[in-house]
Protein backbone atom coordinates (compact mmCIF):
# COMPACT_ATOMS: atom_id res chain seq x y z
CA UNK A 1 -10.84 106.87 -43.57
CA UNK A 2 -14.41 106.76 -44.87
CA UNK A 3 -16.81 103.81 -45.14
CA UNK A 4 -16.19 103.49 -48.88
CA UNK A 5 -12.39 103.19 -48.68
CA UNK A 6 -10.56 100.07 -49.75
CA UNK A 7 -8.05 98.39 -47.41
CA UNK A 8 -4.58 97.50 -48.67
CA UNK A 9 -3.87 93.83 -47.91
CA UNK A 10 -0.53 93.45 -49.69
CA UNK A 11 1.78 95.40 -51.99
CA UNK A 12 4.96 93.94 -53.42
CA UNK A 13 7.07 94.18 -56.57
CA UNK A 14 8.38 91.11 -58.41
CA UNK A 15 10.48 91.37 -61.57
CA UNK A 16 9.33 94.94 -62.16
CA UNK A 17 5.63 94.11 -61.74
CA UNK A 18 3.82 95.70 -58.81
CA UNK A 19 1.23 93.37 -57.30
CA UNK A 20 -1.29 94.74 -54.84
CA UNK A 21 -4.40 93.31 -53.20
CA UNK A 22 -7.24 95.29 -51.64
CA UNK A 23 -10.25 94.41 -49.55
CA UNK A 24 -13.27 96.28 -50.85
CA UNK A 25 -15.79 98.01 -48.60
CA UNK A 26 -18.92 96.22 -47.40
CA UNK A 27 -21.18 98.26 -49.71
CA UNK A 28 -20.23 96.31 -52.88
CA UNK A 29 -20.65 92.71 -54.02
CA UNK A 30 -16.96 92.07 -54.65
CA UNK A 31 -14.77 91.36 -51.64
CA UNK A 32 -11.26 91.80 -53.05
CA UNK A 33 -9.40 93.31 -55.99
CA UNK A 34 -5.96 92.11 -57.10
CA UNK A 35 -4.04 94.50 -59.35
CA UNK A 36 -0.82 94.16 -61.32
CA UNK A 37 0.94 97.25 -62.67
CA UNK A 38 3.98 97.76 -64.86
CA UNK A 39 4.91 101.36 -64.24
CA UNK A 40 1.64 103.27 -64.70
CA UNK A 41 0.08 100.67 -67.02
CA UNK A 42 -2.43 98.14 -65.71
CA UNK A 43 -1.36 94.59 -66.62
CA UNK A 44 -4.04 92.60 -64.81
CA UNK A 45 -7.07 93.05 -62.56
CA UNK A 46 -8.93 90.27 -60.81
CA UNK A 47 -12.00 90.70 -58.66
CA UNK A 48 -13.06 88.16 -56.04
CA UNK A 49 -16.84 87.75 -55.83
CA UNK A 50 -19.15 90.33 -57.35
CA UNK A 51 -21.10 90.15 -60.61
CA UNK A 52 -18.76 87.87 -62.52
CA UNK A 53 -19.51 89.13 -66.02
CA UNK A 54 -19.40 92.78 -65.03
CA UNK A 55 -16.17 92.53 -63.05
CA UNK A 56 -14.53 90.53 -65.86
CA UNK A 57 -15.64 93.21 -68.30
CA UNK A 58 -14.26 96.05 -66.18
CA UNK A 59 -10.98 94.17 -65.76
CA UNK A 60 -10.67 93.48 -69.51
CA UNK A 61 -11.44 97.09 -70.46
CA UNK A 62 -8.89 98.46 -67.97
CA UNK A 63 -6.04 96.12 -68.89
CA UNK A 64 -3.41 97.98 -70.90
CA UNK A 65 -4.72 101.39 -69.79
CA UNK A 66 -2.89 104.08 -67.82
CA UNK A 67 -3.76 104.22 -64.12
CA UNK A 68 -4.76 107.89 -64.21
CA UNK A 69 -7.11 107.31 -67.16
CA UNK A 70 -8.88 104.46 -65.39
CA UNK A 71 -9.19 106.51 -62.20
CA UNK A 72 -10.77 109.40 -64.10
CA UNK A 73 -13.26 107.11 -65.88
CA UNK A 74 -14.33 104.97 -62.92
CA UNK A 75 -14.23 107.34 -59.93
CA UNK A 76 -17.64 108.07 -58.51
CA UNK A 77 -19.61 105.37 -60.34
CA UNK A 78 -22.47 104.44 -58.04
CA UNK A 79 -24.34 101.11 -57.89
CA UNK A 80 -27.95 101.23 -56.66
CA UNK A 81 -27.38 104.38 -54.54
CA UNK A 82 -24.78 102.61 -52.37
CA UNK A 83 -22.30 105.46 -52.64
CA UNK A 84 -19.76 103.32 -54.49
CA UNK A 85 -19.51 100.38 -56.91
CA UNK A 86 -17.04 97.70 -57.94
CA UNK A 87 -15.57 100.06 -60.61
CA UNK A 88 -15.35 102.90 -58.07
CA UNK A 89 -13.60 100.55 -55.64
CA UNK A 90 -11.00 99.83 -58.35
CA UNK A 91 -10.48 103.57 -58.84
CA UNK A 92 -10.04 103.99 -55.07
CA UNK A 93 -7.48 101.16 -55.00
CA UNK A 94 -5.55 102.68 -57.89
CA UNK A 95 -5.57 106.08 -56.14
CA UNK A 96 -4.17 104.42 -53.02
CA UNK A 97 -1.31 103.00 -55.09
CA UNK A 98 -0.48 106.48 -56.36
CA UNK A 99 -0.26 107.97 -52.87
């Protein structure tokens, strides 16, 4: 585990919708990401804390997209030389769900 990894808090499936929650690392402004998937399509993303407009924008742009596409677009995005970012944390959470 590295200092940038997300921590899985919960992962359950209800009526065919996978719902997972992750605690983000201490390097970013957001503290949690809640994700809903239907198969490999993102249905909903909600960040707790963070830059509200930016996290809403990321969530809106990712909704309806394939998990692997979002991972490839967001992985490695860095915020102020912190080594990660709120988008990168989402990519890390999605990768964890694929494992």
